[in-house]
């Protein structure tokens, strides 16, 4: 297996390593792709075979007894990124200190990612599932802090990217992703700042829809907001595991910046 893409990060990237400076980190990418592998139907045993894992991880007793190395190698190259100055807000719908500014790469950062197998090629079914996870991540995924709310949104920039909503839906279907997706109207905004403000302007107290972060207790939001480039414009999409979740979010976000009355299915 050898998979390669050139990606652009459309929004500020809040991804940091041990030195607390902005980085484009392989472990972060692996973690995101691994998450999509599970979402798209990969079993725990298949996940361990492809990405590796420690003892007691897996479904079958045989797999739970072994320590498995990753069958895939991820490599990042050709990084073109500038550190933002001033630091961008992680909560752009708020003002002043409440906006929580942090170090980040500016929008427009680019890099090349390559993924290839070691120890021999993957079995055909696992190879297909791994490629599906990689491809869906490039279209619906992100990196770093605020990844579910418009932070670190990645997008292909090598000619492989979908250019219309119909093409996006078709490409996702080809790679096994049928999650419901809605597109916010262009009146919500066409700039990074406008769309990020809309993505972060949600509602507290509805954990099942928007997740929560209270001290060390956290629950990731099942509802995702992502900024994409379609028809040569930046647009905001909203997706999640179930249509009912999106409909509930539409009701809760009335009079918020994402203007849910404008959302339409794609």
C-alpha atoms as a PDB file:
ATOM      1  CA  UNK A   1       0.000   0.000   0.000  1.00  0.00           C
ATOM      2  CA  UNK A   2       1.225   3.496  -0.836  1.00  0.00           C
ATOM      3  CA  UNK A   3      -1.162   6.434  -0.429  1.00  0.00           C
ATOM      4  CA  UNK A   4      -0.156  10.070  -0.891  1.00  0.00           C
ATOM      5  CA  UNK A   5      -1.941  13.416  -0.711  1.00  0.00           C
ATOM      6  CA  UNK A   6      -1.033  17.101  -0.612  1.00  0.00           C
ATOM      7  CA  UNK A   7      -3.179  18.885   1.950  1.00  0.00           C
ATOM      8  CA  UNK A   8      -3.942  22.460   2.895  1.00  0.00           C
ATOM      9  CA  UNK A   9      -5.113  23.542   6.336  1.00  0.00           C
ATOM     10  CA  UNK A  10      -7.921  26.000   5.681  1.00  0.00           C
ATOM     11  CA  UNK A  11      -8.254  27.314   9.242  1.00  0.00           C
ATOM     12  CA  UNK A  12      -5.861  28.103  12.126  1.00  0.00           C
ATOM     13  CA  UNK A  13      -4.097  24.942  13.280  1.00  0.00           C
ATOM     14  CA  UNK A  14      -3.797  24.608  17.059  1.00  0.00           C
ATOM     15  CA  UNK A  15      -1.615  21.469  17.046  1.00  0.00           C
ATOM     16  CA  UNK A  16       1.352  21.429  19.439  1.00  0.00           C
ATOM     17  CA  UNK A  17       4.025  18.998  20.573  1.00  0.00           C
ATOM     18  CA  UNK A  18       6.232  18.696  23.643  1.00  0.00           C
ATOM     19  CA  UNK A  19       7.731  22.169  23.180  1.00  0.00           C
ATOM     20  CA  UNK A  20       4.286  23.794  22.992  1.00  0.00           C
ATOM     21  CA  UNK A  21       4.978  25.378  19.605  1.00  0.00           C
ATOM     22  CA  UNK A  22       2.783  24.783  16.543  1.00  0.00           C
ATOM     23  CA  UNK A  23       3.548  21.544  14.712  1.00  0.00           C
ATOM     24  CA  UNK A  24       1.963  19.280  12.127  1.00  0.00           C
ATOM     25  CA  UNK A  25       2.221  16.056  14.096  1.00  0.00           C
ATOM     26  CA  UNK A  26       2.120  12.490  12.789  1.00  0.00           C
ATOM     27  CA  UNK A  27       0.628  11.099  16.047  1.00  0.00           C
ATOM     28  CA  UNK A  28      -2.288  13.528  15.758  1.00  0.00           C
ATOM     29  CA  UNK A  29      -2.951  12.491  12.166  1.00  0.00           C
ATOM     30  CA  UNK A  30      -2.724   8.791  13.017  1.00  0.00           C
ATOM     31  CA  UNK A  31      -5.210   9.272  15.844  1.00  0.00           C
ATOM     32  CA  UNK A  32      -7.706  11.043  13.595  1.00  0.00           C
ATOM     33  CA  UNK A  33      -7.418   8.454  10.820  1.00  0.00           C
ATOM     34  CA  UNK A  34      -7.766   5.664  13.356  1.00  0.00           C
ATOM     35  CA  UNK A  35     -10.976   7.269  14.643  1.00  0.00           C
ATOM     36  CA  UNK A  36     -12.417   7.362  11.115  1.00  0.00           C
ATOM     37  CA  UNK A  37     -11.382   3.733  10.607  1.00  0.00           C
ATOM     38  CA  UNK A  38     -13.671   2.790  13.515  1.00  0.00           C
ATOM     39  CA  UNK A  39     -16.489   5.098  12.395  1.00  0.00           C
ATOM     40  CA  UNK A  40     -16.470   3.509   8.952  1.00  0.00           C
ATOM     41  CA  UNK A  41     -16.970   0.037  10.412  1.00  0.00           C
ATOM     42  CA  UNK A  42     -13.520  -1.311  11.220  1.00  0.00           C
ATOM     43  CA  UNK A  43     -13.557  -3.778  14.120  1.00  0.00           C
ATOM     44  CA  UNK A  44     -11.232  -3.526  17.109  1.00  0.00           C
ATOM     45  CA  UNK A  45      -9.226  -6.504  15.875  1.00  0.00           C
ATOM     46  CA  UNK A  46      -8.889  -4.955  12.419  1.00  0.00           C
ATOM     47  CA  UNK A  47      -7.897  -1.635  13.964  1.00  0.00           C
ATOM     48  CA  UNK A  48      -5.163  -3.318  15.984  1.00  0.00           C
ATOM     49  CA  UNK A  49      -3.908  -5.211  12.927  1.00  0.00           C
ATOM     50  CA  UNK A  50      -3.648  -2.013  10.880  1.00  0.00           C
ATOM     51  CA  UNK A  51      -2.593   0.566  13.473  1.00  0.00           C
ATOM     52  CA  UNK A  52      -1.095  -1.568  16.240  1.00  0.00           C
ATOM     53  CA  UNK A  53      -2.053  -1.793  19.889  1.00  0.00           C
ATOM     54  CA  UNK A  54      -1.114  -2.984  23.363  1.00  0.00           C
ATOM     55  CA  UNK A  55      -2.306  -6.044  25.242  1.00  0.00           C
ATOM     56  CA  UNK A  56      -5.941  -6.169  26.348  1.00  0.00           C
ATOM     57  CA  UNK A  57      -6.971  -4.195  23.245  1.00  0.00           C
ATOM     58  CA  UNK A  58      -9.063  -6.113  20.744  1.00  0.00           C
ATOM     59  CA  UNK A  59     -12.185  -8.226  20.491  1.00  0.00           C
ATOM     60  CA  UNK A  60     -10.936 -11.801  20.418  1.00  0.00           C
ATOM     61  CA  UNK A  61      -8.959 -13.317  23.266  1.00  0.00           C
ATOM     62  CA  UNK A  62      -6.136 -14.178  20.893  1.00  0.00           C
ATOM     63  CA  UNK A  63      -5.762 -10.565  19.765  1.00  0.00           C
ATOM     64  CA  UNK A  64      -6.039  -9.222  23.299  1.00  0.00           C
ATOM     65  CA  UNK A  65      -3.008 -11.286  24.337  1.00  0.00           C
ATOM     66  CA  UNK A  66      -0.582  -9.793  21.806  1.00  0.00           C
ATOM     67  CA  UNK A  67       1.248  -6.497  21.367  1.00  0.00           C
ATOM     68  CA  UNK A  68       0.968  -5.496  17.697  1.00  0.00           C
ATOM     69  CA  UNK A  69       3.126  -2.994  15.816  1.00  0.00           C
ATOM     70  CA  UNK A  70       1.490  -0.721  13.292  1.00  0.00           C
ATOM     71  CA  UNK A  71       1.329  -2.126   9.785  1.00  0.00           C
ATOM     72  CA  UNK A  72       1.345   1.433   8.404  1.00  0.00           C
ATOM     73  CA  UNK A  73       3.993   4.139   8.386  1.00  0.00           C
ATOM     74  CA  UNK A  74       2.909   7.797   8.211  1.00  0.00           C
ATOM     75  CA  UNK A  75       5.305  10.424   6.872  1.00  0.00           C
ATOM     76  CA  UNK A  76       4.937  14.191   6.620  1.00  0.00           C
ATOM     77  CA  UNK A  77       7.058  16.292   4.243  1.00  0.00           C
ATOM     78  CA  UNK A  78       7.114  19.581   2.313  1.00  0.00           C
ATOM     79  CA  UNK A  79       5.652  21.544   5.221  1.00  0.00           C
ATOM     80  CA  UNK A  80       4.872  25.154   4.318  1.00  0.00           C
ATOM     81  CA  UNK A  81       3.455  26.891   7.374  1.00  0.00           C
ATOM     82  CA  UNK A  82       3.727  30.242   9.111  1.00  0.00           C
ATOM     83  CA  UNK A  83       3.085  30.896  12.782  1.00  0.00           C
ATOM     84  CA  UNK A  84       0.193  33.300  13.265  1.00  0.00           C
ATOM     85  CA  UNK A  85       0.891  36.706  14.788  1.00  0.00           C
ATOM     86  CA  UNK A  86      -1.113  37.688  16.755  1.00  0.00           C
ATOM     87  CA  UNK A  87      -2.328  34.392  18.186  1.00  0.00           C
ATOM     88  CA  UNK A  88      -5.766  33.554  16.793  1.00  0.00           C
ATOM     89  CA  UNK A  89      -8.750  32.915  19.097  1.00  0.00           C
ATOM     90  CA  UNK A  90      -9.904  29.374  19.772  1.00  0.00           C
ATOM     91  CA  UNK A  91     -13.382  30.792  20.549  1.00  0.00           C
ATOM     92  CA  UNK A  92     -13.838  33.444  17.836  1.00  0.00           C
ATOM     93  CA  UNK A  93     -17.494  34.069  18.678  1.00  0.00           C
ATOM     94  CA  UNK A  94     -16.330  35.665  21.960  1.00  0.00           C
ATOM     95  CA  UNK A  95     -14.374  38.842  22.666  1.00  0.00           C
ATOM     96  CA  UNK A  96     -11.214  39.753  24.566  1.00  0.00           C
ATOM     97  CA  UNK A  97      -9.681  37.223  26.934  1.00  0.00           C
ATOM     98  CA  UNK A  98     -12.774  35.037  26.666  1.00  0.00           C
ATOM     99  CA  UNK A  99     -11.815  34.281  23.065  1.00  0.00           C
ATOM    100  CA  UNK A 100      -8.849  32.250  24.423  1.00  0.00           C
ATOM    101  CA  UNK A 101      -6.065  33.073  21.980  1.00  0.00           C
ATOM    102  CA  UNK A 102      -3.404  30.389  21.462  1.00  0.00           C
ATOM    103  CA  UNK A 103      -0.325  29.735  19.325  1.00  0.00           C
ATOM    104  CA  UNK A 104      -1.224  28.366  15.920  1.00  0.00           C
ATOM    105  CA  UNK A 105      -0.229  28.046  12.299  1.00  0.00           C
ATOM    106  CA  UNK A 106      -1.970  30.505   9.992  1.00  0.00           C
ATOM    107  CA  UNK A 107      -4.636  29.304   7.546  1.00  0.00           C
ATOM    108  CA  UNK A 108      -3.067  28.175   4.290  1.00  0.00           C
ATOM    109  CA  UNK A 109      -0.460  25.838   5.785  1.00  0.00           C
ATOM    110  CA  UNK A 110       0.353  22.998   3.385  1.00  0.00           C
ATOM    111  CA  UNK A 111       2.043  19.630   3.693  1.00  0.00           C
ATOM    112  CA  UNK A 112       2.414  16.272   1.971  1.00  0.00           C
ATOM    113  CA  UNK A 113       1.346  13.097   3.725  1.00  0.00           C
ATOM    114  CA  UNK A 114       2.401   9.611   2.670  1.00  0.00           C
ATOM    115  CA  UNK A 115       1.181   6.359   4.180  1.00  0.00           C
ATOM    116  CA  UNK A 116       2.690   3.014   3.230  1.00  0.00           C
ATOM    117  CA  UNK A 117       2.631  -0.506   4.574  1.00  0.00           C
ATOM    118  CA  UNK A 118       5.499  -2.380   6.154  1.00  0.00           C
ATOM    119  CA  UNK A 119       5.928  -6.087   6.979  1.00  0.00           C
ATOM    120  CA  UNK A 120       4.317  -6.841   3.600  1.00  0.00           C
ATOM    121  CA  UNK A 121       1.132  -5.468   2.108  1.00  0.00           C
ATOM    122  CA  UNK A 122      -2.164  -5.423   3.980  1.00  0.00           C
ATOM    123  CA  UNK A 123      -4.895  -7.905   3.152  1.00  0.00           C
ATOM    124  CA  UNK A 124      -7.104  -6.397   0.402  1.00  0.00           C
ATOM    125  CA  UNK A 125     -10.083  -5.798   2.708  1.00  0.00           C
ATOM    126  CA  UNK A 126      -7.945  -4.061   5.348  1.00  0.00           C
ATOM    127  CA  UNK A 127      -6.166  -2.009   2.687  1.00  0.00           C
ATOM    128  CA  UNK A 128      -9.527  -0.774   1.384  1.00  0.00           C
ATOM    129  CA  UNK A 129     -10.682   0.131   4.893  1.00  0.00           C
ATOM    130  CA  UNK A 130      -7.442   1.986   5.635  1.00  0.00           C
ATOM    131  CA  UNK A 131      -7.650   3.979   2.391  1.00  0.00           C
ATOM    132  CA  UNK A 132     -11.311   4.772   3.063  1.00  0.00           C
ATOM    133  CA  UNK A 133     -10.405   6.171   6.480  1.00  0.00           C
ATOM    134  CA  UNK A 134      -7.600   8.280   5.002  1.00  0.00           C
ATOM    135  CA  UNK A 135      -9.754   9.664   2.192  1.00  0.00           C
ATOM    136  CA  UNK A 136     -12.718  10.500   4.430  1.00  0.00           C
ATOM    137  CA  UNK A 137     -10.403  12.206   6.912  1.00  0.00           C
ATOM    138  CA  UNK A 138      -9.111  14.524   4.161  1.00  0.00           C
ATOM    139  CA  UNK A 139     -12.687  15.568   3.350  1.00  0.00           C
ATOM    140  CA  UNK A 140     -14.356  15.647   6.783  1.00  0.00           C
ATOM    141  CA  UNK A 141     -11.417  15.677   9.175  1.00  0.00           C
ATOM    142  CA  UNK A 142      -9.214  18.107  11.035  1.00  0.00           C
ATOM    143  CA  UNK A 143      -6.226  18.333  13.366  1.00  0.00           C
ATOM    144  CA  UNK A 144      -5.507  19.726  16.796  1.00  0.00           C
ATOM    145  CA  UNK A 145      -7.505  21.749  19.291  1.00  0.00           C
ATOM    146  CA  UNK A 146     -11.087  22.697  18.310  1.00  0.00           C
ATOM    147  CA  UNK A 147     -11.071  20.097  15.528  1.00  0.00           C
ATOM    148  CA  UNK A 148     -14.839  19.635  15.942  1.00  0.00           C
ATOM    149  CA  UNK A 149     -15.473  23.385  15.715  1.00  0.00           C
ATOM    150  CA  UNK A 150     -13.592  24.602  12.665  1.00  0.00           C
ATOM    151  CA  UNK A 151     -10.021  24.368  13.964  1.00  0.00           C
ATOM    152  CA  UNK A 152      -7.277  22.790  11.848  1.00  0.00           C
ATOM    153  CA  UNK A 153      -9.587  21.858   8.973  1.00  0.00           C
ATOM    154  CA  UNK A 154      -7.643  19.935   6.309  1.00  0.00           C
ATOM    155  CA  UNK A 155      -8.536  19.827   2.611  1.00  0.00           C
ATOM    156  CA  UNK A 156      -6.830  18.226  -0.425  1.00  0.00           C
ATOM    157  CA  UNK A 157      -4.982  20.643  -2.709  1.00  0.00           C
ATOM    158  CA  UNK A 158      -3.472  18.312  -5.321  1.00  0.00           C
ATOM    159  CA  UNK A 159      -6.401  18.031  -7.723  1.00  0.00           C
ATOM    160  CA  UNK A 160      -8.059  15.170  -5.827  1.00  0.00           C
ATOM    161  CA  UNK A 161     -10.428  17.445  -3.886  1.00  0.00           C
ATOM    162  CA  UNK A 162     -14.199  17.487  -4.524  1.00  0.00           C
ATOM    163  CA  UNK A 163     -15.276  20.805  -6.013  1.00  0.00           C
ATOM    164  CA  UNK A 164     -19.068  20.712  -5.530  1.00  0.00           C
ATOM    165  CA  UNK A 165     -21.469  19.470  -2.870  1.00  0.00           C
ATOM    166  CA  UNK A 166     -22.620  16.685  -5.204  1.00  0.00           C
ATOM    167  CA  UNK A 167     -19.052  15.563  -5.763  1.00  0.00           C
ATOM    168  CA  UNK A 168     -18.324  15.652  -2.033  1.00  0.00           C
ATOM    169  CA  UNK A 169     -21.347  13.471  -1.290  1.00  0.00           C
ATOM    170  CA  UNK A 170     -20.436  11.074  -4.110  1.00  0.00           C
ATOM    171  CA  UNK A 171     -16.813  10.763  -3.030  1.00  0.00           C
ATOM    172  CA  UNK A 172     -17.794  10.098   0.584  1.00  0.00           C
ATOM    173  CA  UNK A 173     -20.233   7.400  -0.544  1.00  0.00           C
ATOM    174  CA  UNK A 174     -17.511   5.694  -2.585  1.00  0.00           C
ATOM    175  CA  UNK A 175     -15.393   5.482   0.557  1.00  0.00           C
ATOM    176  CA  UNK A 176     -18.165   4.080   2.734  1.00  0.00           C
ATOM    177  CA  UNK A 177     -19.275   7.247   4.537  1.00  0.00           C
ATOM    178  CA  UNK A 178     -23.017   7.853   4.543  1.00  0.00           C
ATOM    179  CA  UNK A 179     -23.276  10.172   7.543  1.00  0.00           C
ATOM    180  CA  UNK A 180     -25.863  12.948   7.235  1.00  0.00           C
ATOM    181  CA  UNK A 181     -24.342  16.292   6.211  1.00  0.00           C
ATOM    182  CA  UNK A 182     -25.835  19.770   6.056  1.00  0.00           C
ATOM    183  CA  UNK A 183     -24.433  22.854   4.329  1.00  0.00           C
ATOM    184  CA  UNK A 184     -24.903  26.278   5.892  1.00  0.00           C
ATOM    185  CA  UNK A 185     -25.936  29.058   3.532  1.00  0.00           C
ATOM    186  CA  UNK A 186     -23.277  31.446   2.255  1.00  0.00           C
ATOM    187  CA  UNK A 187     -24.982  34.240   4.216  1.00  0.00           C
ATOM    188  CA  UNK A 188     -23.430  32.704   7.345  1.00  0.00           C
ATOM    189  CA  UNK A 189     -20.096  33.897   5.991  1.00  0.00           C
ATOM    190  CA  UNK A 190     -17.415  33.249   3.406  1.00  0.00           C
ATOM    191  CA  UNK A 191     -14.283  34.112   5.396  1.00  0.00           C
ATOM    192  CA  UNK A 192     -12.365  31.932   7.837  1.00  0.00           C
ATOM    193  CA  UNK A 193     -13.161  34.262  10.744  1.00  0.00           C
ATOM    194  CA  UNK A 194     -16.891  34.388  10.002  1.00  0.00           C
ATOM    195  CA  UNK A 195     -17.233  30.647   9.555  1.00  0.00           C
ATOM    196  CA  UNK A 196     -15.167  29.793  12.624  1.00  0.00           C
ATOM    197  CA  UNK A 197     -17.290  32.155  14.720  1.00  0.00           C
ATOM    198  CA  UNK A 198     -20.398  30.352  13.487  1.00  0.00           C
ATOM    199  CA  UNK A 199     -18.854  26.944  14.209  1.00  0.00           C
ATOM    200  CA  UNK A 200     -17.931  27.783  17.806  1.00  0.00           C
ATOM    201  CA  UNK A 201     -21.185  29.536  18.733  1.00  0.00           C
ATOM    202  CA  UNK A 202     -23.036  26.585  20.276  1.00  0.00           C
ATOM    203  CA  UNK A 203     -25.058  25.995  23.463  1.00  0.00           C
ATOM    204  CA  UNK A 204     -23.984  24.856  26.911  1.00  0.00           C
ATOM    205  CA  UNK A 205     -25.936  22.227  28.795  1.00  0.00           C
ATOM    206  CA  UNK A 206     -26.807  19.975  25.874  1.00  0.00           C
ATOM    207  CA  UNK A 207     -23.972  17.499  26.257  1.00  0.00           C
ATOM    208  CA  UNK A 208     -25.500  14.781  24.102  1.00  0.00           C
ATOM    209  CA  UNK A 209     -25.428  17.124  21.111  1.00  0.00           C
ATOM    210  CA  UNK A 210     -22.470  19.442  21.713  1.00  0.00           C
ATOM    211  CA  UNK A 211     -20.296  17.539  24.207  1.00  0.00           C
ATOM    212  CA  UNK A 212     -18.684  19.252  27.191  1.00  0.00           C
ATOM    213  CA  UNK A 213     -15.384  20.166  28.859  1.00  0.00           C
ATOM    214  CA  UNK A 214     -15.540  20.630  32.625  1.00  0.00           C
ATOM    215  CA  UNK A 215     -12.106  20.580  34.166  1.00  0.00           C
ATOM    216  CA  UNK A 216     -10.607  17.191  33.389  1.00  0.00           C
ATOM    217  CA  UNK A 217     -13.969  15.711  32.455  1.00  0.00           C
ATOM    218  CA  UNK A 218     -14.603  15.840  28.725  1.00  0.00           C
ATOM    219  CA  UNK A 219     -17.007  14.424  26.189  1.00  0.00           C
ATOM    220  CA  UNK A 220     -16.254  14.988  22.525  1.00  0.00           C
ATOM    221  CA  UNK A 221     -19.084  16.503  20.555  1.00  0.00           C
ATOM    222  CA  UNK A 222     -20.753  14.011  18.184  1.00  0.00           C
ATOM    223  CA  UNK A 223     -21.823  17.032  16.112  1.00  0.00           C
ATOM    224  CA  UNK A 224     -18.999  18.322  13.880  1.00  0.00           C
ATOM    225  CA  UNK A 225     -18.600  21.678  12.161  1.00  0.00           C
ATOM    226  CA  UNK A 226     -16.070  21.842   9.332  1.00  0.00           C
ATOM    227  CA  UNK A 227     -14.972  24.525   6.895  1.00  0.00           C
ATOM    228  CA  UNK A 228     -14.459  23.206   3.362  1.00  0.00           C
ATOM    229  CA  UNK A 229     -13.789  24.701  -0.064  1.00  0.00           C
ATOM    230  CA  UNK A 230     -16.577  24.104  -2.585  1.00  0.00           C
ATOM    231  CA  UNK A 231     -17.306  26.009  -5.783  1.00  0.00           C
ATOM    232  CA  UNK A 232     -14.132  28.026  -5.051  1.00  0.00           C
ATOM    233  CA  UNK A 233     -15.634  29.345  -1.818  1.00  0.00           C
ATOM    234  CA  UNK A 234     -15.144  28.555   1.841  1.00  0.00           C
ATOM    235  CA  UNK A 235     -18.332  27.028   3.241  1.00  0.00           C
ATOM    236  CA  UNK A 236     -19.462  25.551   6.546  1.00  0.00           C
ATOM    237  CA  UNK A 237     -20.748  21.988   6.740  1.00  0.00           C
ATOM    238  CA  UNK A 238     -22.301  20.287   9.762  1.00  0.00           C
ATOM    239  CA  UNK A 239     -22.424  16.528  10.198  1.00  0.00           C
ATOM    240  CA  UNK A 240     -22.850  13.799  12.771  1.00  0.00           C
ATOM    241  CA  UNK A 241     -23.706  10.125  13.180  1.00  0.00           C
ATOM    242  CA  UNK A 242     -27.514  10.535  12.963  1.00  0.00           C
ATOM    243  CA  UNK A 243     -29.929  12.864  11.225  1.00  0.00           C
ATOM    244  CA  UNK A 244     -31.887  13.291  14.476  1.00  0.00           C
ATOM    245  CA  UNK A 245     -28.793  14.837  16.059  1.00  0.00           C
ATOM    246  CA  UNK A 246     -28.533  17.456  13.312  1.00  0.00           C
ATOM    247  CA  UNK A 247     -32.233  18.279  13.578  1.00  0.00           C
ATOM    248  CA  UNK A 248     -31.936  18.734  17.336  1.00  0.00           C
ATOM    249  CA  UNK A 249     -28.924  21.010  16.819  1.00  0.00           C
ATOM    250  CA  UNK A 250     -30.923  23.080  14.322  1.00  0.00           C
ATOM    251  CA  UNK A 251     -33.591  23.655  16.947  1.00  0.00           C
ATOM    252  CA  UNK A 252     -31.079  24.540  19.682  1.00  0.00           C
ATOM    253  CA  UNK A 253     -29.042  26.951  17.546  1.00  0.00           C
ATOM    254  CA  UNK A 254     -31.866  29.208  16.365  1.00  0.00           C
ATOM    255  CA  UNK A 255     -30.633  32.836  16.506  1.00  0.00           C
ATOM    256  CA  UNK A 256     -27.003  31.691  16.711  1.00  0.00           C
ATOM    257  CA  UNK A 257     -24.311  32.612  14.203  1.00  0.00           C
ATOM    258  CA  UNK A 258     -24.567  29.394  12.174  1.00  0.00           C
ATOM    259  CA  UNK A 259     -28.170  30.324  11.185  1.00  0.00           C
ATOM    260  CA  UNK A 260     -29.508  26.747  11.242  1.00  0.00           C
ATOM    261  CA  UNK A 261     -32.669  27.751   9.415  1.00  0.00           C
ATOM    262  CA  UNK A 262     -30.404  28.082   6.353  1.00  0.00           C
ATOM    263  CA  UNK A 263     -28.893  24.581   6.561  1.00  0.00           C
ATOM    264  CA  UNK A 264     -29.734  22.202   3.742  1.00  0.00           C
ATOM    265  CA  UNK A 265     -29.003  18.514   3.250  1.00  0.00           C
ATOM    266  CA  UNK A 266     -26.302  17.474   0.824  1.00  0.00           C
END
